[in-house]
C-alpha atoms as a PDB file:
ATOM      1  CA  MET A   1      -0.146   0.119   0.104  1.00  0.00           C
ATOM      2  CA  GLY A   2       2.212   2.851   1.331  1.00  0.00           C
ATOM      3  CA  ASP A   3       0.381   5.393  -0.623  1.00  0.00           C
ATOM      4  CA  PHE A   4      -0.753   8.717   0.708  1.00  0.00           C
ATOM      5  CA  ILE A   5      -4.179   8.517  -0.875  1.00  0.00           C
ATOM      6  CA  ASN A   6      -4.824   5.128   0.227  1.00  0.00           C
ATOM      7  CA  GLY A   7      -4.001   6.106   3.626  1.00  0.00           C
ATOM      8  CA  LYS A   8      -6.369   8.749   3.441  1.00  0.00           C
ATOM      9  CA  ILE A   9      -8.996   6.454   2.072  1.00  0.00           C
ATOM     10  CA  LEU A  10      -8.367   4.196   4.860  1.00  0.00           C
ATOM     11  CA  GLU A  11      -8.691   6.826   7.467  1.00  0.00           C
ATOM     12  CA  ILE A  12     -12.026   8.460   6.283  1.00  0.00           C
ATOM     13  CA  LEU A  13     -13.618   4.827   5.924  1.00  0.00           C
ATOM     14  CA  LYS A  14     -12.554   3.923   9.581  1.00  0.00           C
ATOM     15  CA  GLU A  15     -14.084   7.017  10.623  1.00  0.00           C
ATOM     16  CA  ASN A  16     -17.292   6.586   8.557  1.00  0.00           C
ATOM     17  CA  SER A  17     -17.586   3.366   6.595  1.00  0.00           C
ATOM     18  CA  ARG A  18     -20.909   4.469   5.019  1.00  0.00           C
ATOM     19  CA  ILE A  19     -19.645   7.395   3.146  1.00  0.00           C
ATOM     20  CA  THR A  20     -20.731   7.271  -0.300  1.00  0.00           C
ATOM     21  CA  ILE A  21     -17.786   6.863  -3.291  1.00  0.00           C
ATOM     22  CA  ASN A  22     -18.808  10.339  -4.131  1.00  0.00           C
ATOM     23  CA  GLU A  23     -18.364  12.154  -0.898  1.00  0.00           C
ATOM     24  CA  LEU A  24     -15.038   9.802  -0.409  1.00  0.00           C
ATOM     25  CA  SER A  25     -13.813  11.054  -3.998  1.00  0.00           C
ATOM     26  CA  LYS A  26     -14.521  14.689  -3.124  1.00  0.00           C
ATOM     27  CA  LYS A  27     -12.620  14.357   0.391  1.00  0.00           C
ATOM     28  CA  ILE A  28      -9.491  13.037  -1.582  1.00  0.00           C
ATOM     29  CA  ASN A  29      -9.638  15.044  -4.655  1.00  0.00           C
ATOM     30  CA  LEU A  30     -10.079  12.160  -7.140  1.00  0.00           C
ATOM     31  CA  SER A  31     -12.905  11.210  -9.554  1.00  0.00           C
ATOM     32  CA  ALA A  32     -15.244   8.692  -8.285  1.00  0.00           C
ATOM     33  CA  PRO A  33     -14.387   5.955 -10.749  1.00  0.00           C
ATOM     34  CA  ALA A  34     -10.694   6.294  -9.558  1.00  0.00           C
ATOM     35  CA  THR A  35     -11.650   6.409  -5.976  1.00  0.00           C
ATOM     36  CA  ARG A  36     -13.931   3.107  -6.380  1.00  0.00           C
ATOM     37  CA  GLU A  37     -11.080   1.641  -8.176  1.00  0.00           C
ATOM     38  CA  ARG A  38      -8.765   2.129  -5.235  1.00  0.00           C
ATOM     39  CA  VAL A  39     -11.282   1.133  -2.762  1.00  0.00           C
ATOM     40  CA  ASN A  40     -11.949  -2.247  -4.903  1.00  0.00           C
ATOM     41  CA  LYS A  41      -8.142  -2.761  -4.808  1.00  0.00           C
ATOM     42  CA  LEU A  42      -7.923  -2.227  -0.871  1.00  0.00           C
ATOM     43  CA  GLU A  43     -10.791  -4.774  -0.588  1.00  0.00           C
ATOM     44  CA  ASP A  44      -8.891  -7.259  -3.422  1.00  0.00           C
ATOM     45  CA  GLN A  45      -5.701  -7.028  -1.348  1.00  0.00           C
ATOM     46  CA  ASP A  46      -7.704  -7.973   2.019  1.00  0.00           C
ATOM     47  CA  ILE A  47      -6.388  -4.711   3.600  1.00  0.00           C
ATOM     48  CA  ILE A  48      -9.989  -3.758   3.801  1.00  0.00           C
ATOM     49  CA  ASN A  49     -11.747  -6.848   5.365  1.00  0.00           C
ATOM     50  CA  GLY A  50     -15.165  -5.693   5.709  1.00  0.00           C
ATOM     51  CA  TYR A  51     -17.503  -2.947   6.928  1.00  0.00           C
ATOM     52  CA  THR A  52     -19.004  -3.162  10.622  1.00  0.00           C
ATOM     53  CA  ILE A  53     -21.388  -1.336  12.825  1.00  0.00           C
ATOM     54  CA  ASP A  54     -21.104  -0.463  16.620  1.00  0.00           C
ATOM     55  CA  ILE A  55     -24.351  -1.155  17.884  1.00  0.00           C
ATOM     56  CA  ASN A  56     -25.262   0.981  21.438  1.00  0.00           C
ATOM     57  CA  TYR A  57     -27.049  -1.940  23.148  1.00  0.00           C
ATOM     58  CA  LYS A  58     -28.040   0.550  26.229  1.00  0.00           C
ATOM     59  CA  LYS A  59     -30.427   2.177  23.665  1.00  0.00           C
ATOM     60  CA  LEU A  60     -31.940  -1.094  22.867  1.00  0.00           C
ATOM     61  CA  GLY A  61     -32.394  -1.566  26.616  1.00  0.00           C
ATOM     62  CA  TYR A  62     -29.739  -4.020  27.494  1.00  0.00           C
ATOM     63  CA  ASN A  63     -27.144  -3.374  30.194  1.00  0.00           C
END
């Protein structure tokens, strides 16, 4: 990897994995197709292994 743009992509996705490709592309100053290609490569290389959620169980009524 070792690429500044890929590092920025990972940083942004870590903060908000639900961001759209269009929003992500604006934040890193690349076209949407180029951004999608980079994200796909990060997934193909198993650098991005998945996308998860953080559930607030207290708000659901659990201790």
